[in-house]
Amino acid sequence: MEFQQPQSEFDATKFPNTIAASEPSPLLRLSSSPQIKEKWWWQVGSQIPVFLAQLPDYLGKLFNEYKQPSISVALILAAIITLRVVLAIIDALNDIPLLATTCRGDKEAIIQTG
């Protein structure tokens, strides 16, 4: 049984649609042209104001299409924010010495001082 070693060279005749590595790609030649880059930036720059002008319409359609889930998410976020504000107020009140709750486990210390 003889062991055959794989070919180390690529045979381009087997694959006629391939491009040799030494040939520069036409896309690379076109993309390196400064005129095409400038034209591309001009096209992108002209599309941005059009998109921003249509953004309120897009958002209105999105809200109308997903009205119920949007309201649910807004209510959940409002509840979380409200809970955090209430907890912050309670923590702030707890830092004031006259309004702070007394420690009930330390009765002996209160009796000894009083």
N, C-alpha and C. Protein backbone atom coordinates (compact mmCIF):
# COMPACT_ATOMS: atom_id res chain seq x y z
N MET A 1 0.84 -1.18 0.00
CA MET A 1 0.00 0.00 0.00
C MET A 1 0.88 1.24 0.00
N GLU A 2 0.73 2.03 -1.00
CA GLU A 2 1.56 3.22 -1.12
C GLU A 2 0.82 4.44 -0.58
N PHE A 3 1.54 5.29 0.11
CA PHE A 3 0.96 6.52 0.66
C PHE A 3 1.27 7.67 -0.28
N GLN A 4 0.24 8.40 -0.70
CA GLN A 4 0.44 9.52 -1.61
C GLN A 4 0.47 10.82 -0.83
N GLN A 5 1.43 11.64 -1.13
CA GLN A 5 1.51 12.95 -0.50
C GLN A 5 0.62 13.92 -1.26
N PRO A 6 -0.05 14.82 -0.55
CA PRO A 6 -0.90 15.80 -1.24
C PRO A 6 -0.05 16.78 -2.05
N GLN A 7 -0.64 17.27 -3.12
CA GLN A 7 0.07 18.23 -3.95
C GLN A 7 0.27 19.53 -3.19
N SER A 8 1.44 20.11 -3.30
CA SER A 8 1.73 21.35 -2.59
C SER A 8 1.40 22.57 -3.42
N GLU A 9 1.25 22.42 -4.74
CA GLU A 9 0.95 23.55 -5.60
C GLU A 9 -0.51 23.52 -6.03
N PHE A 10 -1.06 24.70 -6.19
CA PHE A 10 -2.45 24.83 -6.62
C PHE A 10 -2.49 24.77 -8.14
N ASP A 11 -3.34 23.92 -8.68
CA ASP A 11 -3.45 23.78 -10.12
C ASP A 11 -4.62 24.63 -10.59
N ALA A 12 -4.33 25.76 -11.21
CA ALA A 12 -5.36 26.69 -11.65
C ALA A 12 -6.13 26.19 -12.85
N THR A 13 -5.61 25.19 -13.53
CA THR A 13 -6.33 24.66 -14.70
C THR A 13 -7.56 23.88 -14.30
N LYS A 14 -7.58 23.34 -13.08
CA LYS A 14 -8.75 22.59 -12.61
C LYS A 14 -9.90 23.52 -12.27
N PHE A 15 -9.59 24.75 -11.91
CA PHE A 15 -10.60 25.73 -11.52
C PHE A 15 -10.47 26.96 -12.41
N PRO A 16 -11.16 26.99 -13.56
CA PRO A 16 -10.96 28.09 -14.50
C PRO A 16 -11.54 29.42 -14.02
N ASN A 17 -12.46 29.44 -13.07
CA ASN A 17 -13.09 30.68 -12.62
C ASN A 17 -12.33 31.37 -11.49
N THR A 18 -11.24 30.79 -11.06
CA THR A 18 -10.49 31.39 -9.96
C THR A 18 -9.57 32.47 -10.48
N ILE A 19 -9.23 33.40 -9.60
CA ILE A 19 -8.32 34.50 -9.93
C ILE A 19 -7.00 34.23 -9.24
N ALA A 20 -5.94 34.34 -9.97
CA ALA A 20 -4.62 34.11 -9.39
C ALA A 20 -4.33 35.19 -8.37
N ALA A 21 -3.53 34.86 -7.39
CA ALA A 21 -3.24 35.79 -6.30
C ALA A 21 -2.42 36.99 -6.76
N SER A 22 -1.69 36.84 -7.84
CA SER A 22 -0.86 37.95 -8.30
C SER A 22 -1.66 39.02 -9.03
N GLU A 23 -2.86 38.67 -9.49
CA GLU A 23 -3.69 39.64 -10.21
C GLU A 23 -4.43 40.53 -9.22
N PRO A 24 -4.35 41.84 -9.36
CA PRO A 24 -5.11 42.70 -8.45
C PRO A 24 -6.60 42.63 -8.74
N SER A 25 -7.37 42.63 -7.71
CA SER A 25 -8.82 42.55 -7.85
C SER A 25 -9.37 43.86 -8.41
N PRO A 26 -10.36 43.80 -9.32
CA PRO A 26 -10.93 45.05 -9.83
C PRO A 26 -11.64 45.86 -8.75
N LEU A 27 -12.18 45.18 -7.75
CA LEU A 27 -12.84 45.92 -6.66
C LEU A 27 -11.83 46.70 -5.84
N LEU A 28 -10.66 46.12 -5.66
CA LEU A 28 -9.63 46.84 -4.90
C LEU A 28 -9.15 48.06 -5.66
N ARG A 29 -9.07 47.94 -6.97
CA ARG A 29 -8.64 49.09 -7.75
C ARG A 29 -9.69 50.19 -7.73
N LEU A 30 -10.97 49.81 -7.77
CA LEU A 30 -12.03 50.83 -7.76
C LEU A 30 -12.17 51.49 -6.39
N SER A 31 -12.04 50.69 -5.33
CA SER A 31 -12.25 51.26 -4.00
C SER A 31 -11.10 52.17 -3.58
N SER A 32 -9.94 52.01 -4.20
CA SER A 32 -8.84 52.87 -3.82
C SER A 32 -8.87 54.22 -4.54
N SER A 33 -9.77 54.37 -5.48
CA SER A 33 -9.87 55.62 -6.21
C SER A 33 -10.46 56.71 -5.31
N PRO A 34 -9.82 57.87 -5.20
CA PRO A 34 -10.35 58.94 -4.34
C PRO A 34 -11.68 59.49 -4.83
N GLN A 35 -11.93 59.45 -6.14
CA GLN A 35 -13.19 59.97 -6.67
C GLN A 35 -14.36 59.10 -6.23
N ILE A 36 -14.15 57.79 -6.21
CA ILE A 36 -15.24 56.89 -5.80
C ILE A 36 -15.49 57.01 -4.30
N LYS A 37 -14.42 57.16 -3.54
CA LYS A 37 -14.60 57.35 -2.09
C LYS A 37 -15.38 58.62 -1.81
N GLU A 38 -15.04 59.69 -2.52
CA GLU A 38 -15.73 60.96 -2.32
C GLU A 38 -17.19 60.85 -2.74
N LYS A 39 -17.46 60.15 -3.82
CA LYS A 39 -18.83 59.96 -4.28
C LYS A 39 -19.62 59.14 -3.26
N TRP A 40 -18.97 58.11 -2.70
CA TRP A 40 -19.64 57.28 -1.71
C TRP A 40 -19.98 58.11 -0.47
N TRP A 41 -19.04 58.93 0.01
CA TRP A 41 -19.31 59.78 1.17
C TRP A 41 -20.41 60.79 0.86
N TRP A 42 -20.44 61.28 -0.36
CA TRP A 42 -21.48 62.22 -0.76
C TRP A 42 -22.85 61.55 -0.73
N GLN A 43 -22.93 60.31 -1.19
CA GLN A 43 -24.20 59.58 -1.17
C GLN A 43 -24.64 59.31 0.26
N VAL A 44 -23.72 58.89 1.11
CA VAL A 44 -24.07 58.63 2.51
C VAL A 44 -24.49 59.92 3.19
N GLY A 45 -23.76 61.00 2.93
CA GLY A 45 -24.09 62.29 3.53
C GLY A 45 -25.42 62.83 3.08
N SER A 46 -25.82 62.52 1.86
CA SER A 46 -27.13 62.99 1.37
C SER A 46 -28.27 62.14 1.89
N GLN A 47 -28.01 60.91 2.30
CA GLN A 47 -29.06 60.03 2.82
C GLN A 47 -29.36 60.30 4.29
N ILE A 48 -28.42 60.84 5.03
CA ILE A 48 -28.63 61.09 6.46
C ILE A 48 -29.75 62.09 6.72
N PRO A 49 -29.80 63.25 6.07
CA PRO A 49 -30.92 64.18 6.33
C PRO A 49 -32.27 63.60 5.92
N VAL A 50 -32.29 62.79 4.87
CA VAL A 50 -33.55 62.16 4.45
C VAL A 50 -34.04 61.21 5.53
N PHE A 51 -33.11 60.42 6.08
CA PHE A 51 -33.48 59.49 7.15
C PHE A 51 -33.96 60.24 8.39
N LEU A 52 -33.25 61.30 8.76
CA LEU A 52 -33.65 62.08 9.94
C LEU A 52 -34.99 62.77 9.74
N ALA A 53 -35.30 63.17 8.51
CA ALA A 53 -36.59 63.79 8.23
C ALA A 53 -37.73 62.78 8.35
N GLN A 54 -37.45 61.52 8.01
CA GLN A 54 -38.48 60.49 8.06
C GLN A 54 -38.53 59.77 9.41
N LEU A 55 -37.61 60.06 10.30
CA LEU A 55 -37.55 59.38 11.59
C LEU A 55 -38.82 59.53 12.42
N PRO A 56 -39.45 60.72 12.53
CA PRO A 56 -40.69 60.80 13.30
C PRO A 56 -41.80 59.91 12.72
N ASP A 57 -41.86 59.79 11.41
CA ASP A 57 -42.87 58.90 10.81
C ASP A 57 -42.58 57.45 11.16
N TYR A 58 -41.30 57.07 11.09
CA TYR A 58 -40.92 55.70 11.43
C TYR A 58 -41.27 55.39 12.88
N LEU A 59 -40.95 56.32 13.78
CA LEU A 59 -41.23 56.09 15.20
C LEU A 59 -42.73 56.06 15.47
N GLY A 60 -43.50 56.90 14.78
CA GLY A 60 -44.96 56.88 14.94
C GLY A 60 -45.55 55.56 14.48
N LYS A 61 -45.10 55.06 13.35
CA LYS A 61 -45.58 53.77 12.86
C LYS A 61 -45.19 52.65 13.81
N LEU A 62 -43.96 52.70 14.32
CA LEU A 62 -43.49 51.69 15.25
C LEU A 62 -44.33 51.70 16.53
N PHE A 63 -44.61 52.90 17.05
CA PHE A 63 -45.41 52.98 18.28
C PHE A 63 -46.84 52.50 18.03
N ASN A 64 -47.43 52.87 16.90
CA ASN A 64 -48.79 52.42 16.60
C ASN A 64 -48.86 50.91 16.41
N GLU A 65 -47.81 50.34 15.83
CA GLU A 65 -47.81 48.90 15.59
C GLU A 65 -47.62 48.12 16.89
N TYR A 66 -46.79 48.65 17.79
CA TYR A 66 -46.49 47.97 19.05
C TYR A 66 -46.94 48.80 20.23
N LYS A 67 -48.18 49.27 20.18
CA LYS A 67 -48.69 50.19 21.21
C LYS A 67 -48.78 49.51 22.58
N GLN A 68 -49.41 48.35 22.64
CA GLN A 68 -49.60 47.67 23.92
C GLN A 68 -48.28 47.23 24.55
N PRO A 69 -47.36 46.59 23.81
CA PRO A 69 -46.07 46.25 24.44
C PRO A 69 -45.27 47.48 24.86
N SER A 70 -45.37 48.57 24.10
CA SER A 70 -44.64 49.78 24.47
C SER A 70 -45.14 50.35 25.78
N ILE A 71 -46.45 50.36 25.96
CA ILE A 71 -47.03 50.86 27.20
C ILE A 71 -46.63 49.97 28.37
N SER A 72 -46.62 48.66 28.15
CA SER A 72 -46.24 47.73 29.22
C SER A 72 -44.79 47.95 29.64
N VAL A 73 -43.91 48.10 28.68
CA VAL A 73 -42.49 48.34 29.00
C VAL A 73 -42.33 49.67 29.73
N ALA A 74 -43.05 50.70 29.29
CA ALA A 74 -42.97 52.01 29.94
C ALA A 74 -43.47 51.93 31.38
N LEU A 75 -44.54 51.20 31.62
CA LEU A 75 -45.06 51.06 32.98
C LEU A 75 -44.09 50.29 33.88
N ILE A 76 -43.47 49.26 33.34
CA ILE A 76 -42.49 48.50 34.13
C ILE A 76 -41.30 49.39 34.48
N LEU A 77 -40.81 50.16 33.52
CA LEU A 77 -39.69 51.06 33.80
C LEU A 77 -40.09 52.14 34.81
N ALA A 78 -41.30 52.67 34.69
CA ALA A 78 -41.76 53.67 35.66
C ALA A 78 -41.86 53.07 37.06
N ALA A 79 -42.31 51.83 37.16
CA ALA A 79 -42.41 51.18 38.47
C ALA A 79 -41.03 50.97 39.08
N ILE A 80 -40.07 50.58 38.27
CA ILE A 80 -38.71 50.37 38.78
C ILE A 80 -38.10 51.69 39.24
N ILE A 81 -38.30 52.74 38.48
CA ILE A 81 -37.76 54.06 38.86
C ILE A 81 -38.43 54.56 40.14
N THR A 82 -39.74 54.39 40.23
CA THR A 82 -40.47 54.81 41.44
C THR A 82 -39.98 54.06 42.66
N LEU A 83 -39.79 52.76 42.53
CA LEU A 83 -39.31 51.95 43.65
C LEU A 83 -37.92 52.40 44.10
N ARG A 84 -37.05 52.68 43.14
CA ARG A 84 -35.70 53.14 43.50
C ARG A 84 -35.73 54.50 44.19
N VAL A 85 -36.61 55.40 43.76
CA VAL A 85 -36.71 56.71 44.40
C VAL A 85 -37.24 56.57 45.82
N VAL A 86 -38.26 55.73 46.00
CA VAL A 86 -38.82 55.52 47.35
C VAL A 86 -37.76 54.92 48.27
N LEU A 87 -37.00 53.94 47.78
CA LEU A 87 -35.95 53.35 48.61
C LEU A 87 -34.85 54.37 48.93
N ALA A 88 -34.55 55.25 48.01
CA ALA A 88 -33.54 56.28 48.27
C ALA A 88 -34.04 57.26 49.33
N ILE A 89 -35.33 57.61 49.27
CA ILE A 89 -35.89 58.52 50.28
C ILE A 89 -35.89 57.86 51.66
N ILE A 90 -36.26 56.58 51.71
CA ILE A 90 -36.26 55.87 52.99
C ILE A 90 -34.83 55.78 53.55
N ASP A 91 -33.87 55.53 52.70
CA ASP A 91 -32.48 55.47 53.14
C ASP A 91 -32.01 56.83 53.65
N ALA A 92 -32.40 57.90 52.97
CA ALA A 92 -32.03 59.24 53.41
C ALA A 92 -32.66 59.57 54.76
N LEU A 93 -33.91 59.18 54.95
CA LEU A 93 -34.57 59.42 56.25
C LEU A 93 -33.94 58.57 57.35
N ASN A 94 -33.48 57.40 56.99
CA ASN A 94 -32.87 56.53 57.98
C ASN A 94 -31.52 57.06 58.43
N ASP A 95 -30.88 57.91 57.65
CA ASP A 95 -29.60 58.50 58.03
C ASP A 95 -29.75 59.64 59.04
N ILE A 96 -30.93 60.20 59.17
CA ILE A 96 -31.17 61.27 60.14
C ILE A 96 -31.30 60.63 61.52
N PRO A 97 -30.50 61.03 62.51
CA PRO A 97 -30.49 60.34 63.81
C PRO A 97 -31.82 60.37 64.56
N LEU A 98 -32.55 61.45 64.52
CA LEU A 98 -33.80 61.51 65.27
C LEU A 98 -34.89 60.64 64.64
N LEU A 99 -34.82 60.41 63.34
CA LEU A 99 -35.84 59.61 62.67
C LEU A 99 -35.41 58.17 62.44
N ALA A 100 -34.18 57.83 62.76
CA ALA A 100 -33.67 56.48 62.54
C ALA A 100 -34.34 55.50 63.49
N THR A 101 -34.53 54.30 63.04
CA THR A 101 -35.12 53.27 63.89
C THR A 101 -34.09 52.85 64.92
N THR A 102 -34.57 52.51 66.14
CA THR A 102 -33.66 52.10 67.21
C THR A 102 -33.38 50.63 67.09
N CYS A 103 -32.23 50.23 67.57
CA CYS A 103 -31.83 48.83 67.52
C CYS A 103 -32.47 48.11 68.70
N ARG A 104 -33.37 47.19 68.45
CA ARG A 104 -34.10 46.51 69.53
C ARG A 104 -33.28 45.39 70.16
N GLY A 105 -32.24 44.94 69.53
CA GLY A 105 -31.44 43.85 70.08
C GLY A 105 -30.44 44.33 71.13
N ASP A 106 -30.29 45.62 71.31
CA ASP A 106 -29.30 46.17 72.22
C ASP A 106 -30.00 46.82 73.43
N LYS A 107 -30.92 46.10 74.08
CA LYS A 107 -31.70 46.64 75.21
C LYS A 107 -30.82 46.90 76.43
N GLU A 108 -29.82 46.07 76.64
CA GLU A 108 -28.97 46.22 77.81
C GLU A 108 -28.17 47.51 77.75
N ALA A 109 -27.73 47.91 76.55
CA ALA A 109 -26.97 49.15 76.42
C ALA A 109 -27.86 50.34 76.70
N ILE A 110 -29.11 50.28 76.33
CA ILE A 110 -30.04 51.37 76.59
C ILE A 110 -30.33 51.47 78.08
N ILE A 111 -30.50 50.35 78.75
CA ILE A 111 -30.80 50.33 80.19
C ILE A 111 -29.60 50.87 80.98
N GLN A 112 -28.37 50.50 80.61
CA GLN A 112 -27.19 50.93 81.33
C GLN A 112 -26.96 52.44 81.19
N THR A 113 -27.25 53.01 80.04
CA THR A 113 -27.02 54.43 79.86
C THR A 113 -28.16 55.25 80.43
N GLY A 114 -29.31 54.70 80.55
CA GLY A 114 -30.45 55.47 80.97
C GLY A 114 -30.84 55.19 82.33
